[in-house]
Each structure stands twice: as C-alpha cells, then as structure tokens.
Amino acid sequence: METSTPVQPTMDQTDQLVTRMITGLNRLVDAHTQIDIEMKHEGNRLLGRARLIALILALILALVIAPTYVLATRHIAHPLMTLATTADRLAYLDLSATSEPWLSRDEVGILAASLTSMLSSLRERGTALMRKTKELEAFTYSIAHDLKGPLREIEGFSSLLEKHFVESGDPQVKHHIDIIRRFSLRFMHMIDALLKYSRLEQQDLSRTQFNLLDMINQLMCERPTSPDGITPTITVGLTFSHLYGKPASIRQAFTNLLDNAIKFSRHCHAPKIHISGQQVETGWMISDCDNGRGFELAQADKLFGLFERLHPAKEYEGTGVGPAIVKMMMEKHGAEVWTESSPGEGTTFYLAFPYSQEFINVQQSAKTPS
C-alpha cells in the first residue's frame, strides 16, 4: 500500500501569501487612518457647531441682560440710591433734602411717594417746633426778667435794712436780713443758670475735628485760684489729642467738670485731679477723676438732675445745674456720661463719645484718593 506525502508549498506561493497579507494589513491601516481623519473632521465640525451655539447663546444673553441691566439701573437702582441719599440726609435732620417725583405706581413709586409725604410732614412739624421753641424761649426770658426784678428789689432793700440795723446790734435781726439777702442772691443765680441751660439747649452748632488736649490745657490755665490758696494738682493723660464733635459744647462740659472737681476736692490736704482718655474700637473714652468728698453711688442718677444738689449749699456754692449741662451736652452728641464715687474717696466722671456716621464719612473721604 502506498503512503501519500504532504505537498510542500512552493516559494512563489509563500511570497504570494505574504504579499496578500501585507496588502490586507495596509488596507486595514489605511481604512483606520481614514476613519480617524473622518472622526477628527466630524469632531471639529461638532466643536465648531458647539462654539457657534455657545456664541449665539452668549449674544442672546447679552442682548437680554444688557437692556435689563440698563432698565434696572435707570428705573430701580438709581431711584433707590436717590431715595437712600435723601433718607440719609433726613437722618442728619437735613429737612432741605428733596426726593424726585416718581410717576409710576410701582414699588419704587410708592416708596418715593411715602418719603415725599414724610418730608412734607417733617418740614411742617419742624417749622411748628421752631416756632414753639422761639415762643418758649421768649417766654422763659420774659419770666426770668420778671422774676429777677423783684429779687433785685428784695436784695437792695435788705441791704439797706442791714445798714439801718447795723448800729442796733440786734443779732437776730441781722441774721434774718442776712438770710433774705443770701436766698435772694441764690435765687437770682438759679435763674441765671436756668437761662444758661436754656441757651445751651437751643444751640445747634456744627461738628468738626478739634484739638481736645489744647482745650483742656487752656481750661486748666483759666481756672481761678482757690479762696483758701490750695490749688489742686491737675494731670492729663490722653492717648489721643483730637476729638470730633461740637467744640463749644464740649468746652462747656469740661469747664463744668473741672469746676466741680476743684470745688469738691478743695478741702483735701493734697487735692488731685486726673483727666485720662483713650481711643477705643467704638469711639473715645474720657474720664475725669478727683480725690474730693465723693458721694453715695445710689445718688448717682440724682446728680444729673436740674437744680439737684448732693451736698448742703452752705458747704459748697453752686446752683446744681453744672452736671445737668454736662449730661445735656453729651446727649446732643449721642454720647453717654456716668459717674462712680464713694464718700471720702473722690468721684470719677466717664464720658463715652461714639464714632458718628458723619465722622466715619469724613475719615473715608480723607482716605479716598482724589
């Protein structure tokens, strides 16, 4: 039986097979490359379309937002800023502020109409208040003048009586006449103090920045020497020099504080007065401390009342108006004043001046480059 032998491919057949395989591979690579090129072109086309769509959307948004912003600025933001400016001027009692009329009856129009109505009402009430204030001031001066006339007559006649009875040597008569004279003079001083309080209350002074340290030093030089020859040692320890407020009002307040400290510490062996102050986060804090007679802390609220006295008039002269003027001056600055004291250990007055919005605006304007 014959066995068959496998047919061996010839070299030509092998070469043809290899050539066919290489050709197929090249075609496959070409097809893959072509697909990549087409996909890249398609991706570029899609990216271009996406960019175009995004640009169109951006233009549409810009066309919508820009007019909306312009309209909102013109019809909402600008009127609201105008109303805010008017309201801010009203906060500083500037009744000359005006509000632009708003024709539409939207929310801004209603707000503008309300502000205009409030302005008109405030002007009317302000005018009426000024008229009543002037009438009250005239009435006060008239009453004070009418009261001082008879008092001067009483004091004058009591002086004549004193001279007439000086030869009689009757101590009781002289004592009674002396009481009449002293009380007449005290009553006239109280009337003068009341008029001074009234004038200071009616003052409407402008605020400015001034040198408080120079003011205190000047007041120290102006203080008269004590009748018994004992002059208190006054020291100043301010960590700042300038204060923002009404200089004339603050000067009057410190004048009263210094006079009080000198008066109530004059019976000490070594009277001392120390004025200190520092600038804190919310404003300026100042203290006026003496080692005088002092008083019970429970009477602190009574101290600032008009014509209130914590010590007998025969021991310490005065009308009891000084601390009331200090309190009034502080209230006109939106500031606070309080006191701490103990009998025989002196008294300390504390004055807290807050940063006003006007001061903050001035500081911000100074920092803003022109």
Protein backbone atom coordinates (compact mmCIF):
# COMPACT_ATOMS: atom_id res chain seq x y z
CA MET A 1 0.00 0.00 0.00
CA GLU A 2 1.35 3.35 -0.97
CA THR A 3 1.50 6.31 1.53
CA SER A 4 0.82 9.90 0.31
CA THR A 5 3.34 12.61 1.20
CA PRO A 6 2.19 16.22 2.06
CA VAL A 7 2.57 18.73 -0.68
CA GLN A 8 5.04 21.42 0.34
CA PRO A 9 4.10 24.97 -0.81
CA THR A 10 6.50 26.47 -3.17
CA MET A 11 8.36 29.70 -2.58
CA ASP A 12 6.18 31.53 -5.04
CA GLN A 13 3.08 30.53 -3.22
CA THR A 14 4.60 31.68 0.11
CA ASP A 15 5.59 35.02 -1.34
CA GLN A 16 2.12 35.49 -2.75
CA LEU A 17 0.57 34.70 0.62
CA VAL A 18 2.85 37.15 2.43
CA THR A 19 2.15 39.80 -0.19
CA ARG A 20 -1.56 39.30 0.20
CA MET A 21 -1.27 39.58 4.00
CA ILE A 22 0.80 42.79 3.77
CA THR A 23 -1.65 44.21 1.28
CA GLY A 24 -4.55 43.40 3.63
CA LEU A 25 -2.77 44.97 6.55
CA ASN A 26 -2.03 48.14 4.58
CA ARG A 27 -5.65 48.34 3.55
CA LEU A 28 -6.69 47.90 7.19
CA VAL A 29 -4.28 50.65 8.32
CA ASP A 30 -5.47 52.93 5.51
CA ALA A 31 -9.08 52.28 6.48
CA HIS A 32 -8.30 53.00 10.17
CA THR A 33 -6.44 56.16 9.23
CA GLN A 34 -9.32 57.27 7.03
CA ILE A 35 -11.75 56.61 9.86
CA ASP A 36 -9.57 58.65 12.26
CA ILE A 37 -9.44 61.52 9.78
CA GLU A 38 -13.17 61.46 9.27
CA MET A 39 -13.80 61.27 13.03
CA LYS A 40 -11.45 64.20 13.57
CA HIS A 41 -13.23 66.22 10.91
CA GLU A 42 -16.57 65.29 12.40
CA GLY A 43 -15.31 66.26 15.90
CA ASN A 44 -14.07 69.60 14.58
CA ARG A 45 -17.43 70.18 12.92
CA LEU A 46 -19.26 69.33 16.15
CA LEU A 47 -16.89 71.54 18.19
CA GLY A 48 -17.40 74.38 15.75
CA ARG A 49 -21.15 73.95 15.98
CA ALA A 50 -20.94 73.88 19.78
CA ARG A 51 -18.84 77.03 19.79
CA LEU A 52 -21.26 78.69 17.42
CA ILE A 53 -24.22 77.69 19.58
CA ALA A 54 -22.40 78.94 22.71
CA LEU A 55 -21.60 82.22 20.98
CA ILE A 56 -25.20 82.61 19.85
CA LEU A 57 -26.44 81.87 23.35
CA ALA A 58 -23.93 84.37 24.80
CA LEU A 59 -25.10 87.03 22.34
CA ILE A 60 -28.73 86.28 23.18
CA LEU A 61 -27.97 86.53 26.92
CA ALA A 62 -26.04 89.74 26.35
CA LEU A 63 -28.91 91.17 24.33
CA VAL A 64 -31.29 90.23 27.15
CA ILE A 65 -29.10 91.12 30.14
CA ALA A 66 -27.73 94.44 28.87
CA PRO A 67 -31.12 96.10 28.33
CA THR A 68 -32.37 94.53 31.57
CA TYR A 69 -29.37 95.97 33.46
CA VAL A 70 -29.85 99.39 31.87
CA LEU A 71 -33.55 99.38 32.67
CA ALA A 72 -32.97 98.11 36.21
CA THR A 73 -30.29 100.74 36.80
CA ARG A 74 -32.41 103.53 35.39
CA HIS A 75 -35.75 102.56 36.89
CA ILE A 76 -34.74 100.77 40.13
CA ALA A 77 -31.13 101.22 41.25
CA HIS A 78 -30.81 104.96 40.52
CA PRO A 79 -34.15 105.88 42.13
CA LEU A 80 -33.35 103.72 45.15
CA MET A 81 -29.94 105.38 45.50
CA THR A 82 -31.61 108.77 45.30
CA LEU A 83 -34.12 107.75 47.96
CA ALA A 84 -31.31 106.35 50.13
CA THR A 85 -29.39 109.64 49.85
CA THR A 86 -32.49 111.59 50.81
CA ALA A 87 -33.15 109.29 53.76
CA ASP A 88 -29.51 109.65 54.87
CA ARG A 89 -29.82 113.44 54.81
CA LEU A 90 -33.01 113.15 56.83
CA ALA A 91 -31.14 111.07 59.37
CA TYR A 92 -28.91 114.12 59.95
CA LEU A 93 -32.02 116.33 60.28
CA ASP A 94 -31.44 117.99 56.92
CA LEU A 95 -35.02 118.94 56.07
CA SER A 96 -33.88 120.69 52.86
CA ALA A 97 -33.45 117.26 51.25
CA THR A 98 -35.71 116.62 48.25
CA SER A 99 -36.99 113.46 46.59
CA GLU A 100 -37.51 113.26 42.84
CA PRO A 101 -41.15 112.65 41.84
CA TRP A 102 -41.90 109.15 40.58
CA LEU A 103 -44.77 108.92 38.12
CA SER A 104 -45.32 105.18 38.07
CA ARG A 105 -47.19 103.45 40.89
CA ASP A 106 -44.80 100.53 41.25
CA GLU A 107 -42.96 99.65 44.45
CA VAL A 108 -40.35 102.37 43.91
CA GLY A 109 -43.08 104.90 43.17
CA ILE A 110 -44.94 104.02 46.35
CA LEU A 111 -41.70 104.31 48.36
CA ALA A 112 -40.91 107.69 46.77
CA ALA A 113 -44.41 108.97 47.49
CA SER A 114 -44.16 107.84 51.12
CA LEU A 115 -40.78 109.56 51.51
CA THR A 116 -42.13 112.76 49.95
CA SER A 117 -45.10 112.69 52.31
CA MET A 118 -42.80 112.11 55.28
CA LEU A 119 -40.57 115.01 54.17
CA SER A 120 -43.55 117.33 53.97
CA SER A 121 -44.80 116.24 57.38
CA LEU A 122 -41.36 116.65 58.95
CA ARG A 123 -40.96 120.13 57.48
CA GLU A 124 -44.35 121.18 58.85
CA ARG A 125 -43.60 119.76 62.28
CA GLY A 126 -40.10 121.23 62.22
CA THR A 127 -41.49 124.66 61.41
CA ALA A 128 -44.09 124.36 64.16
CA LEU A 129 -41.46 123.13 66.61
CA MET A 130 -39.13 126.03 65.79
CA ARG A 131 -42.00 128.47 66.28
CA LYS A 132 -42.94 126.92 69.63
CA THR A 133 -39.29 126.84 70.68
CA LYS A 134 -38.86 130.54 69.95
CA GLU A 135 -42.09 131.30 71.81
CA LEU A 136 -40.93 129.23 74.78
CA GLU A 137 -37.52 130.88 74.72
CA ALA A 138 -39.11 134.33 74.68
CA PHE A 139 -41.45 133.28 77.47
CA THR A 140 -38.51 131.95 79.52
CA TYR A 141 -36.56 135.17 79.17
CA SER A 142 -39.64 137.22 79.99
CA ILE A 143 -40.37 135.20 83.13
CA ALA A 144 -36.72 135.30 84.16
CA HIS A 145 -36.64 139.07 83.71
CA ASP A 146 -39.88 139.49 85.66
CA LEU A 147 -38.56 137.30 88.48
CA LYS A 148 -35.16 138.95 88.69
CA GLY A 149 -36.68 142.43 89.05
CA PRO A 150 -38.41 141.79 92.39
CA LEU A 151 -35.45 139.77 93.61
CA ARG A 152 -33.12 142.69 92.94
CA GLU A 153 -35.53 144.91 94.86
CA ILE A 154 -35.59 142.46 97.77
CA GLU A 155 -31.80 142.23 97.81
CA GLY A 156 -31.46 146.01 97.60
CA PHE A 157 -33.92 146.74 100.42
CA SER A 158 -32.41 144.00 102.58
CA SER A 159 -29.04 145.65 102.10
CA LEU A 160 -30.50 148.98 103.22
CA LEU A 161 -32.10 147.28 106.23
CA GLU A 162 -28.79 145.70 107.12
CA LYS A 163 -27.11 149.11 107.10
CA HIS A 164 -30.00 150.61 109.09
CA PHE A 165 -29.88 147.97 111.83
CA VAL A 166 -26.12 147.62 111.93
CA GLU A 167 -25.99 150.14 114.79
CA SER A 168 -28.70 148.40 116.80
CA GLY A 169 -26.52 145.37 117.19
CA ASP A 170 -29.52 143.05 117.31
CA PRO A 171 -28.02 139.71 116.11
CA GLN A 172 -31.40 138.15 115.35
CA VAL A 173 -32.43 140.98 113.03
CA LYS A 174 -29.06 140.88 111.29
CA HIS A 175 -29.39 137.10 110.91
CA HIS A 176 -32.83 137.37 109.33
CA ILE A 177 -31.68 140.07 106.93
CA ASP A 178 -28.65 138.00 106.00
CA ILE A 179 -30.90 135.02 105.20
CA ILE A 180 -33.10 137.22 102.98
CA ARG A 181 -30.07 138.51 101.10
CA ARG A 182 -28.45 135.09 100.66
CA PHE A 183 -31.60 133.44 99.39
CA SER A 184 -32.35 136.35 97.05
CA LEU A 185 -28.87 136.11 95.54
CA ARG A 186 -29.13 132.33 95.31
CA PHE A 187 -32.48 132.62 93.53
CA MET A 188 -31.00 135.09 91.02
CA HIS A 189 -28.07 132.74 90.41
CA MET A 190 -30.50 129.88 89.79
CA ILE A 191 -32.42 131.99 87.28
CA ASP A 192 -29.17 132.87 85.50
CA ALA A 193 -28.20 129.18 85.47
CA LEU A 194 -31.60 128.22 84.05
CA LEU A 195 -31.24 130.80 81.29
CA LYS A 196 -27.76 129.49 80.52
CA TYR A 197 -29.10 125.92 80.37
CA SER A 198 -31.88 127.05 78.03
CA ARG A 199 -29.44 128.88 75.71
CA LEU A 200 -27.12 125.88 75.54
CA GLU A 201 -30.04 123.56 74.81
CA GLN A 202 -31.11 125.70 71.86
CA GLN A 203 -27.63 125.87 70.33
CA ASP A 204 -27.22 124.00 67.06
CA LEU A 205 -23.51 124.04 66.37
CA SER A 206 -21.65 122.26 63.58
CA ARG A 207 -19.30 119.37 64.30
CA THR A 208 -15.64 119.43 63.44
CA GLN A 209 -12.37 117.87 64.46
CA PHE A 210 -10.53 119.89 67.10
CA ASN A 211 -7.60 119.56 69.49
CA LEU A 212 -9.07 118.41 72.81
CA LEU A 213 -5.70 118.37 74.55
CA ASP A 214 -5.09 122.06 73.80
CA MET A 215 -8.62 122.86 75.00
CA ILE A 216 -8.09 121.11 78.35
CA ASN A 217 -4.71 122.77 78.86
CA GLN A 218 -6.29 126.15 78.20
CA LEU A 219 -9.09 125.45 80.67
CA MET A 220 -6.54 124.46 83.31
CA CYS A 221 -4.77 127.79 82.89
CA GLU A 222 -8.06 129.69 83.15
CA ARG A 223 -9.18 128.10 86.44
CA PRO A 224 -9.12 130.64 89.31
CA THR A 225 -7.08 130.01 92.42
CA SER A 226 -9.00 128.52 95.36
CA PRO A 227 -10.00 131.09 98.05
CA ASP A 228 -8.03 129.19 100.68
CA GLY A 229 -4.94 129.22 98.48
CA ILE A 230 -4.87 125.47 97.89
CA THR A 231 -4.50 124.72 94.20
CA PRO A 232 -5.21 121.16 93.07
CA THR A 233 -2.64 119.22 91.10
CA ILE A 234 -4.16 118.59 87.67
CA THR A 235 -2.64 115.96 85.38
CA VAL A 236 -3.68 114.95 81.88
CA GLY A 237 -3.08 111.52 80.36
CA LEU A 238 -4.82 111.42 76.98
CA THR A 239 -3.57 108.85 74.46
CA PHE A 240 -5.09 110.95 71.67
CA SER A 241 -5.22 114.67 71.02
CA HIS A 242 -8.09 115.27 68.60
CA LEU A 243 -11.81 114.72 69.06
CA TYR A 244 -14.71 115.05 66.61
CA GLY A 245 -17.71 116.99 67.88
CA LYS A 246 -19.03 120.43 68.78
CA PRO A 247 -16.08 122.29 70.35
CA ALA A 248 -18.12 124.95 72.18
CA SER A 249 -20.43 122.37 73.77
CA ILE A 250 -17.60 120.07 74.79
CA ARG A 251 -15.65 123.01 76.22
CA GLN A 252 -18.66 123.91 78.40
CA ALA A 253 -18.93 120.30 79.60
CA PHE A 254 -15.26 120.11 80.58
CA THR A 255 -15.46 123.54 82.22
CA ASN A 256 -18.25 122.27 84.47
CA LEU A 257 -16.42 119.03 85.23
CA LEU A 258 -13.20 120.83 86.16
CA ASP A 259 -15.04 123.37 88.31
CA ASN A 260 -16.88 120.57 90.12
CA ALA A 261 -13.68 118.62 90.70
CA ILE A 262 -11.89 121.70 92.04
CA LYS A 263 -14.83 122.66 94.26
CA PHE A 264 -15.38 119.27 95.88
CA SER A 265 -11.69 118.48 96.38
CA ARG A 266 -10.61 121.82 97.85
CA HIS A 267 -10.94 120.58 101.46
CA CYS A 268 -8.47 117.75 100.82
CA HIS A 269 -4.95 118.05 102.15
CA ALA A 270 -3.50 117.48 98.67
CA PRO A 271 -6.29 117.80 96.09
CA LYS A 272 -5.63 115.96 92.83
CA ILE A 273 -7.48 115.85 89.52
CA HIS A 274 -6.56 113.48 86.72
CA ILE A 275 -8.03 113.56 83.21
CA SER A 276 -7.33 110.49 81.10
CA GLY A 277 -8.67 109.07 77.86
CA GLN A 278 -8.12 106.59 75.11
CA GLN A 279 -9.45 105.83 71.67
CA VAL A 280 -11.32 102.51 71.60
CA GLU A 281 -12.98 100.49 68.87
CA THR A 282 -16.32 102.29 69.17
CA GLY A 283 -15.12 105.84 69.89
CA TRP A 284 -13.35 107.93 72.52
CA MET A 285 -13.47 107.19 76.25
CA ILE A 286 -12.53 110.00 78.69
CA SER A 287 -12.52 110.09 82.48
CA ASP A 288 -12.26 112.97 84.96
CA CYS A 289 -11.15 111.78 88.42
CA ASP A 290 -10.71 113.70 91.68
CA ASN A 291 -9.95 112.73 95.29
CA GLY A 292 -12.61 115.01 96.74
CA ARG A 293 -15.56 114.47 99.02
CA GLY A 294 -17.44 111.99 96.85
CA PHE A 295 -20.98 110.76 97.46
CA GLU A 296 -23.06 107.62 97.80
CA LEU A 297 -23.28 105.77 94.49
CA ALA A 298 -27.03 105.31 95.00
CA GLN A 299 -27.38 109.08 94.39
CA ALA A 300 -25.62 108.95 91.01
CA ASP A 301 -28.83 109.31 88.95
CA LYS A 302 -29.93 112.28 91.05
CA LEU A 303 -26.64 114.05 90.32
CA PHE A 304 -27.55 114.87 86.70
CA GLY A 305 -30.96 116.36 87.51
CA LEU A 306 -31.60 120.07 87.06
CA PHE A 307 -31.00 122.02 90.32
CA GLU A 308 -30.18 118.78 92.15
CA ARG A 309 -27.62 119.03 94.94
CA LEU A 310 -25.98 116.19 96.87
CA HIS A 311 -24.31 118.42 99.48
CA PRO A 312 -25.60 121.36 101.57
CA ALA A 313 -25.48 124.76 99.87
CA LYS A 314 -23.81 126.29 102.93
CA GLU A 315 -20.80 123.99 102.42
CA TYR A 316 -20.46 124.19 98.64
CA GLU A 317 -21.67 127.03 96.49
CA GLY A 318 -23.43 126.43 93.18
CA THR A 319 -26.84 126.03 91.61
CA GLY A 320 -26.92 122.31 90.79
CA VAL A 321 -27.02 122.93 87.05
CA GLY A 322 -23.43 122.00 86.11
CA PRO A 323 -23.83 118.18 85.85
CA ALA A 324 -27.19 118.65 84.08
CA ILE A 325 -25.45 120.74 81.43
CA VAL A 326 -22.78 118.03 81.03
CA LYS A 327 -25.46 115.38 80.51
CA MET A 328 -27.31 117.56 78.01
CA MET A 329 -24.13 118.26 76.04
CA MET A 330 -23.34 114.54 75.91
CA GLU A 331 -26.84 113.63 74.78
CA LYS A 332 -26.60 116.17 71.95
CA HIS A 333 -23.51 114.26 70.77
CA GLY A 334 -25.27 110.90 71.05
CA ALA A 335 -22.76 110.16 73.82
CA GLU A 336 -23.04 108.82 77.37
CA VAL A 337 -21.90 110.11 80.75
CA TRP A 338 -21.92 108.29 84.08
CA THR A 339 -20.10 108.51 87.37
CA GLU A 340 -18.54 106.34 90.04
CA SER A 341 -17.98 107.64 93.56
CA SER A 342 -17.57 106.75 97.19
CA PRO A 343 -17.83 109.06 100.22
CA GLY A 344 -14.42 110.45 101.12
CA GLU A 345 -12.67 108.76 98.17
CA GLY A 346 -13.45 111.09 95.32
CA THR A 347 -15.51 110.95 92.15
CA THR A 348 -14.84 109.85 88.59
CA PHE A 349 -16.91 111.04 85.63
CA TYR A 350 -16.82 108.90 82.48
CA LEU A 351 -17.60 110.32 79.05
CA ALA A 352 -18.04 107.99 76.07
CA PHE A 353 -18.11 109.65 72.64
CA PRO A 354 -19.10 107.21 69.86
CA TYR A 355 -17.87 107.45 66.28
CA SER A 356 -20.69 109.25 64.48
CA GLN A 357 -21.58 108.35 60.89
CA GLU A 358 -20.54 111.87 59.92
CA PHE A 359 -17.05 111.28 61.37
CA ILE A 360 -16.79 107.90 59.58
CA ASN A 361 -17.76 109.54 56.28
CA VAL A 362 -15.16 112.27 56.78
CA GLN A 363 -12.46 109.67 57.53
CA GLN A 364 -13.38 107.61 54.46
CA SER A 365 -13.33 110.72 52.26
CA ALA A 366 -9.88 111.60 53.57
CA LYS A 367 -8.56 108.11 52.71
CA THR A 368 -10.10 108.04 49.23
CA PRO A 369 -7.57 109.29 46.63
CA SER A 370 -8.78 112.29 44.68
